[in-house]
């Protein structure tokens, strides 16, 4: 809960999964192709049963993939994981749609510059 939110969810080393009903917390490694593994982050998170993904920002392709998996995405998270969770619970994050994609990722740019914790 004390880790910083990553600037781009696809390049974070881990994802923090929080069950909002039970409060259980699970941290999983990012094993997507971005990190030398297979698949994409939306696939990884869908396999974990994620229904809502909170992040700072993401590109159009990722937004599309999350929508295909039925996962709602909320953007604008900053600070630590606990801060992002509080912002979500207080309705302070924006639900992401295609027009909300990060400009730097709008044309499939897969070169990201920051690594950190995802939620």
N, C-alpha and C. Protein backbone atom coordinates (compact mmCIF):
# COMPACT_ATOMS: atom_id res chain seq x y z
N UNK A 1 0.82 -1.21 0.00
CA UNK A 1 0.00 0.00 0.00
C UNK A 1 0.86 1.27 0.00
N UNK A 2 2.13 1.11 0.32
CA UNK A 2 3.03 2.26 0.40
C UNK A 2 3.84 2.49 -0.88
N UNK A 3 3.71 1.59 -1.85
CA UNK A 3 4.44 1.73 -3.11
C UNK A 3 3.83 2.84 -3.95
N UNK A 4 4.67 3.46 -4.79
CA UNK A 4 4.20 4.51 -5.68
C UNK A 4 3.50 3.94 -6.90
N UNK A 5 2.49 4.66 -7.38
CA UNK A 5 1.79 4.30 -8.61
C UNK A 5 2.73 4.55 -9.78
N UNK A 6 2.83 3.58 -10.69
CA UNK A 6 3.68 3.73 -11.87
C UNK A 6 3.10 4.70 -12.87
N UNK A 7 3.96 5.32 -13.63
CA UNK A 7 3.50 6.27 -14.64
C UNK A 7 2.76 5.58 -15.77
N UNK A 8 3.18 4.37 -16.13
CA UNK A 8 2.48 3.62 -17.16
C UNK A 8 2.32 2.18 -16.70
N UNK A 9 1.10 1.74 -16.61
CA UNK A 9 0.79 0.46 -15.99
C UNK A 9 1.48 -0.73 -16.66
N UNK A 10 1.73 -0.68 -17.95
CA UNK A 10 2.30 -1.82 -18.66
C UNK A 10 3.74 -2.11 -18.31
N UNK A 11 4.44 -1.15 -17.75
CA UNK A 11 5.86 -1.31 -17.45
C UNK A 11 6.18 -1.40 -15.96
N UNK A 12 5.17 -1.48 -15.12
CA UNK A 12 5.43 -1.63 -13.69
C UNK A 12 5.92 -3.05 -13.41
N UNK A 13 6.68 -3.22 -12.37
CA UNK A 13 7.20 -4.55 -12.06
C UNK A 13 6.17 -5.45 -11.38
N UNK A 14 5.23 -4.85 -10.67
CA UNK A 14 4.18 -5.62 -9.99
C UNK A 14 2.85 -4.90 -10.06
N UNK A 15 1.79 -5.67 -9.82
CA UNK A 15 0.44 -5.13 -9.71
C UNK A 15 -0.10 -5.48 -8.33
N UNK A 16 -0.75 -4.52 -7.70
CA UNK A 16 -1.38 -4.74 -6.41
C UNK A 16 -2.87 -4.95 -6.66
N UNK A 17 -3.38 -6.11 -6.26
CA UNK A 17 -4.79 -6.44 -6.44
C UNK A 17 -5.44 -6.40 -5.06
N UNK A 18 -6.49 -5.60 -4.96
CA UNK A 18 -7.18 -5.41 -3.68
C UNK A 18 -8.63 -5.83 -3.83
N UNK A 19 -9.07 -6.72 -2.97
CA UNK A 19 -10.48 -7.12 -2.94
C UNK A 19 -11.20 -6.07 -2.10
N UNK A 20 -12.05 -5.29 -2.73
CA UNK A 20 -12.72 -4.19 -2.04
C UNK A 20 -13.72 -4.66 -1.00
N UNK A 21 -14.20 -5.89 -1.13
CA UNK A 21 -15.15 -6.41 -0.14
C UNK A 21 -14.44 -6.95 1.09
N UNK A 22 -13.41 -7.77 0.89
CA UNK A 22 -12.73 -8.41 2.02
C UNK A 22 -11.53 -7.63 2.52
N UNK A 23 -10.98 -6.75 1.66
CA UNK A 23 -9.77 -6.02 2.03
C UNK A 23 -8.50 -6.80 1.78
N UNK A 24 -8.62 -8.03 1.25
CA UNK A 24 -7.44 -8.84 0.95
C UNK A 24 -6.58 -8.16 -0.11
N UNK A 25 -5.27 -8.27 0.06
CA UNK A 25 -4.31 -7.67 -0.86
C UNK A 25 -3.41 -8.76 -1.41
N UNK A 26 -3.21 -8.71 -2.72
CA UNK A 26 -2.34 -9.66 -3.40
C UNK A 26 -1.45 -8.87 -4.35
N UNK A 27 -0.16 -9.14 -4.32
CA UNK A 27 0.78 -8.49 -5.23
C UNK A 27 1.29 -9.55 -6.19
N UNK A 28 1.14 -9.27 -7.50
CA UNK A 28 1.59 -10.22 -8.50
C UNK A 28 2.64 -9.56 -9.39
N UNK A 29 3.58 -10.35 -9.91
CA UNK A 29 4.58 -9.79 -10.81
C UNK A 29 3.97 -9.51 -12.18
N UNK A 30 4.51 -8.52 -12.86
CA UNK A 30 4.13 -8.23 -14.24
C UNK A 30 4.91 -9.20 -15.12
N UNK A 31 4.25 -10.25 -15.57
CA UNK A 31 4.89 -11.26 -16.42
C UNK A 31 4.50 -11.09 -17.88
N UNK A 32 4.06 -9.90 -18.26
CA UNK A 32 3.66 -9.65 -19.64
C UNK A 32 4.88 -9.54 -20.55
N UNK A 33 4.62 -9.46 -21.84
CA UNK A 33 5.73 -9.36 -22.80
C UNK A 33 6.55 -8.08 -22.58
N UNK A 34 5.95 -7.06 -21.98
CA UNK A 34 6.68 -5.83 -21.67
C UNK A 34 7.86 -6.11 -20.75
N UNK A 35 7.72 -7.17 -19.95
CA UNK A 35 8.75 -7.49 -18.96
C UNK A 35 9.46 -8.80 -19.31
N UNK A 36 9.39 -9.21 -20.58
CA UNK A 36 10.08 -10.41 -21.03
C UNK A 36 9.26 -11.68 -20.99
N UNK A 37 7.98 -11.58 -20.60
CA UNK A 37 7.11 -12.75 -20.53
C UNK A 37 6.22 -12.86 -21.75
N UNK A 38 5.01 -13.33 -21.53
CA UNK A 38 4.06 -13.51 -22.62
C UNK A 38 2.76 -12.78 -22.30
N UNK A 39 2.05 -12.41 -23.35
CA UNK A 39 0.75 -11.77 -23.18
C UNK A 39 0.86 -10.30 -22.83
N UNK A 40 -0.30 -9.71 -22.59
CA UNK A 40 -0.39 -8.29 -22.28
C UNK A 40 -0.96 -8.12 -20.87
N UNK A 41 -0.66 -6.99 -20.23
CA UNK A 41 -1.17 -6.76 -18.87
C UNK A 41 -2.68 -6.94 -18.71
N UNK A 42 -3.52 -6.47 -19.65
CA UNK A 42 -4.95 -6.70 -19.46
C UNK A 42 -5.30 -8.18 -19.37
N UNK A 43 -4.61 -9.02 -20.13
CA UNK A 43 -4.84 -10.47 -20.08
C UNK A 43 -4.44 -11.02 -18.71
N UNK A 44 -3.30 -10.60 -18.24
CA UNK A 44 -2.80 -11.03 -16.93
C UNK A 44 -3.78 -10.67 -15.82
N UNK A 45 -4.25 -9.43 -15.83
CA UNK A 45 -5.16 -8.97 -14.79
C UNK A 45 -6.54 -9.62 -14.91
N UNK A 46 -6.99 -9.89 -16.13
CA UNK A 46 -8.27 -10.58 -16.32
C UNK A 46 -8.20 -11.99 -15.74
N UNK A 47 -7.07 -12.68 -15.92
CA UNK A 47 -6.91 -14.03 -15.36
C UNK A 47 -6.97 -14.01 -13.83
N UNK A 48 -6.61 -12.88 -13.25
CA UNK A 48 -6.66 -12.73 -11.78
C UNK A 48 -8.04 -12.32 -11.28
N UNK A 49 -8.98 -12.12 -12.22
CA UNK A 49 -10.34 -11.76 -11.83
C UNK A 49 -10.54 -10.29 -11.55
N UNK A 50 -9.63 -9.45 -12.01
CA UNK A 50 -9.73 -8.01 -11.80
C UNK A 50 -10.95 -7.46 -12.55
N UNK A 51 -11.72 -6.61 -11.90
CA UNK A 51 -12.91 -5.99 -12.51
C UNK A 51 -12.72 -4.49 -12.73
N UNK A 52 -11.81 -3.89 -11.93
CA UNK A 52 -11.53 -2.45 -12.02
C UNK A 52 -10.03 -2.28 -11.95
N UNK A 53 -9.49 -1.47 -12.85
CA UNK A 53 -8.06 -1.20 -12.85
C UNK A 53 -7.86 0.30 -12.65
N UNK A 54 -7.02 0.65 -11.71
CA UNK A 54 -6.73 2.04 -11.39
C UNK A 54 -5.28 2.32 -11.80
N UNK A 55 -5.07 3.40 -12.52
CA UNK A 55 -3.70 3.73 -12.94
C UNK A 55 -3.58 5.23 -13.16
N UNK A 56 -2.36 5.65 -13.45
CA UNK A 56 -2.12 7.06 -13.76
C UNK A 56 -2.63 7.36 -15.16
N UNK A 57 -2.28 6.52 -16.11
CA UNK A 57 -2.68 6.72 -17.49
C UNK A 57 -2.28 5.52 -18.33
N UNK A 58 -2.82 5.43 -19.55
CA UNK A 58 -2.50 4.33 -20.44
C UNK A 58 -2.89 4.69 -21.86
N UNK A 59 -2.47 3.89 -22.81
CA UNK A 59 -2.71 4.16 -24.22
C UNK A 59 -4.01 3.57 -24.73
N UNK A 60 -4.34 3.91 -25.98
CA UNK A 60 -5.60 3.47 -26.60
C UNK A 60 -5.70 1.96 -26.69
N UNK A 61 -4.63 1.32 -27.10
CA UNK A 61 -4.66 -0.14 -27.26
C UNK A 61 -4.99 -0.81 -25.92
N UNK A 62 -4.38 -0.34 -24.85
CA UNK A 62 -4.64 -0.92 -23.54
C UNK A 62 -6.09 -0.66 -23.11
N UNK A 63 -6.59 0.54 -23.34
CA UNK A 63 -7.98 0.84 -22.99
C UNK A 63 -8.90 -0.12 -23.73
N UNK A 64 -8.65 -0.32 -25.03
CA UNK A 64 -9.46 -1.26 -25.82
C UNK A 64 -9.40 -2.67 -25.25
N UNK A 65 -8.19 -3.12 -24.91
CA UNK A 65 -8.05 -4.47 -24.38
C UNK A 65 -8.78 -4.63 -23.05
N UNK A 66 -8.67 -3.65 -22.17
CA UNK A 66 -9.39 -3.73 -20.90
C UNK A 66 -10.89 -3.79 -21.14
N UNK A 67 -11.38 -2.98 -22.08
CA UNK A 67 -12.81 -2.99 -22.39
C UNK A 67 -13.23 -4.36 -22.91
N UNK A 68 -12.40 -4.99 -23.75
CA UNK A 68 -12.71 -6.32 -24.28
C UNK A 68 -12.82 -7.36 -23.16
N UNK A 69 -12.03 -7.20 -22.11
CA UNK A 69 -12.06 -8.12 -20.98
C UNK A 69 -13.11 -7.73 -19.93
N UNK A 70 -13.84 -6.65 -20.18
CA UNK A 70 -14.88 -6.22 -19.25
C UNK A 70 -14.33 -5.59 -17.98
N UNK A 71 -13.11 -5.05 -18.07
CA UNK A 71 -12.48 -4.41 -16.92
C UNK A 71 -12.61 -2.90 -17.06
N UNK A 72 -13.20 -2.25 -16.06
CA UNK A 72 -13.31 -0.80 -16.06
C UNK A 72 -11.96 -0.20 -15.68
N UNK A 73 -11.60 0.89 -16.33
CA UNK A 73 -10.32 1.55 -16.05
C UNK A 73 -10.59 2.96 -15.54
N UNK A 74 -9.89 3.30 -14.46
CA UNK A 74 -9.97 4.65 -13.90
C UNK A 74 -8.57 5.25 -13.92
N UNK A 75 -8.46 6.46 -14.42
CA UNK A 75 -7.17 7.12 -14.57
C UNK A 75 -7.06 8.34 -13.65
N UNK A 76 -5.82 8.79 -13.51
CA UNK A 76 -5.56 9.97 -12.71
C UNK A 76 -4.97 9.65 -11.35
N UNK A 77 -4.67 8.38 -11.11
CA UNK A 77 -4.11 7.97 -9.82
C UNK A 77 -2.69 8.49 -9.67
N UNK A 78 -2.38 9.00 -8.51
CA UNK A 78 -1.03 9.48 -8.20
C UNK A 78 -0.69 9.10 -6.77
N UNK A 79 0.55 9.28 -6.44
CA UNK A 79 0.98 8.99 -5.08
C UNK A 79 1.17 7.51 -4.85
N UNK A 80 0.84 7.08 -3.66
CA UNK A 80 0.99 5.68 -3.27
C UNK A 80 -0.27 4.89 -3.59
N UNK A 81 -0.15 3.56 -3.55
CA UNK A 81 -1.30 2.70 -3.80
C UNK A 81 -2.46 3.08 -2.88
N UNK A 82 -2.19 3.30 -1.61
CA UNK A 82 -3.26 3.66 -0.67
C UNK A 82 -3.93 4.97 -1.06
N UNK A 83 -3.16 5.93 -1.60
CA UNK A 83 -3.74 7.21 -2.05
C UNK A 83 -4.67 7.00 -3.24
N UNK A 84 -4.23 6.15 -4.17
CA UNK A 84 -5.05 5.86 -5.35
C UNK A 84 -6.35 5.17 -4.96
N UNK A 85 -6.27 4.25 -4.02
CA UNK A 85 -7.46 3.55 -3.55
C UNK A 85 -8.43 4.53 -2.89
N UNK A 86 -7.91 5.42 -2.07
CA UNK A 86 -8.76 6.43 -1.43
C UNK A 86 -9.41 7.34 -2.47
N UNK A 87 -8.62 7.76 -3.47
CA UNK A 87 -9.16 8.62 -4.53
C UNK A 87 -10.28 7.91 -5.28
N UNK A 88 -10.09 6.62 -5.56
CA UNK A 88 -11.13 5.85 -6.25
C UNK A 88 -12.39 5.77 -5.38
N UNK A 89 -12.23 5.41 -4.13
CA UNK A 89 -13.37 5.28 -3.22
C UNK A 89 -14.13 6.59 -3.06
N UNK A 90 -13.42 7.72 -3.18
CA UNK A 90 -14.04 9.03 -3.03
C UNK A 90 -14.51 9.64 -4.35
N UNK A 91 -14.49 8.84 -5.42
CA UNK A 91 -14.97 9.30 -6.72
C UNK A 91 -14.12 10.36 -7.37
N UNK A 92 -12.82 10.38 -7.05
CA UNK A 92 -11.94 11.42 -7.57
C UNK A 92 -11.18 11.02 -8.83
N UNK A 93 -11.35 9.78 -9.30
CA UNK A 93 -10.66 9.34 -10.51
C UNK A 93 -11.65 9.31 -11.67
N UNK A 94 -11.13 9.46 -12.88
CA UNK A 94 -11.96 9.52 -14.08
C UNK A 94 -12.02 8.16 -14.75
N UNK A 95 -13.22 7.73 -15.11
CA UNK A 95 -13.35 6.49 -15.88
C UNK A 95 -12.76 6.74 -17.28
N UNK A 96 -11.91 5.83 -17.73
CA UNK A 96 -11.19 6.02 -18.99
C UNK A 96 -11.97 5.49 -20.19
N UNK A 97 -11.94 6.29 -21.24
CA UNK A 97 -12.47 5.92 -22.54
C UNK A 97 -11.37 6.20 -23.56
N UNK A 98 -11.55 5.78 -24.80
CA UNK A 98 -10.52 5.91 -25.83
C UNK A 98 -9.96 7.33 -25.92
N UNK A 99 -10.79 8.32 -25.84
CA UNK A 99 -10.33 9.71 -25.95
C UNK A 99 -9.45 10.14 -24.77
N UNK A 100 -9.40 9.32 -23.72
CA UNK A 100 -8.59 9.64 -22.54
C UNK A 100 -7.20 9.04 -22.59
N UNK A 101 -6.85 8.39 -23.69
CA UNK A 101 -5.54 7.74 -23.81
C UNK A 101 -4.42 8.76 -23.69
N UNK A 102 -3.33 8.34 -23.10
CA UNK A 102 -2.15 9.20 -22.99
C UNK A 102 -1.69 9.59 -24.39
N UNK A 103 -1.40 10.87 -24.60
CA UNK A 103 -0.93 11.34 -25.89
C UNK A 103 0.35 10.67 -26.33
N UNK A 104 1.26 10.41 -25.38
CA UNK A 104 2.54 9.79 -25.75
C UNK A 104 2.38 8.35 -26.18
N UNK A 105 1.21 7.74 -25.89
CA UNK A 105 0.98 6.35 -26.25
C UNK A 105 -0.09 6.22 -27.33
N UNK A 106 -0.54 7.33 -27.85
CA UNK A 106 -1.67 7.33 -28.77
C UNK A 106 -1.41 6.60 -30.07
N UNK A 107 -0.16 6.50 -30.49
CA UNK A 107 0.15 5.89 -31.78
C UNK A 107 0.96 4.62 -31.62
N UNK A 108 0.71 3.90 -30.53
CA UNK A 108 1.35 2.61 -30.34
C UNK A 108 2.77 2.68 -29.83
N UNK A 109 3.20 3.82 -29.33
CA UNK A 109 4.55 3.95 -28.79
C UNK A 109 4.69 3.03 -27.59
N UNK A 110 5.57 2.05 -27.68
CA UNK A 110 5.76 1.11 -26.60
C UNK A 110 7.02 1.41 -25.80
N UNK A 111 7.59 2.58 -25.99
CA UNK A 111 8.80 2.95 -25.26
C UNK A 111 8.43 3.85 -24.09
N UNK A 112 8.45 3.30 -22.90
CA UNK A 112 8.03 4.03 -21.72
C UNK A 112 9.25 4.34 -20.87
N UNK A 113 9.10 5.30 -20.00
CA UNK A 113 10.26 5.84 -19.34
C UNK A 113 10.25 5.74 -17.82
N UNK A 114 9.28 5.09 -17.23
CA UNK A 114 9.22 5.08 -15.77
C UNK A 114 8.69 3.75 -15.32
N UNK A 115 9.24 3.23 -14.26
CA UNK A 115 8.78 1.95 -13.69
C UNK A 115 8.39 2.18 -12.25
N UNK A 116 7.42 1.47 -11.80
CA UNK A 116 6.98 1.59 -10.40
C UNK A 116 5.89 0.59 -10.12
N UNK A 117 5.13 0.83 -9.12
CA UNK A 117 4.09 -0.09 -8.67
C UNK A 117 2.78 0.23 -9.37
N UNK A 118 2.03 -0.77 -9.75
CA UNK A 118 0.71 -0.61 -10.34
C UNK A 118 -0.35 -1.03 -9.33
N UNK A 119 -1.55 -0.67 -9.62
CA UNK A 119 -2.66 -1.11 -8.76
C UNK A 119 -3.78 -1.58 -9.65
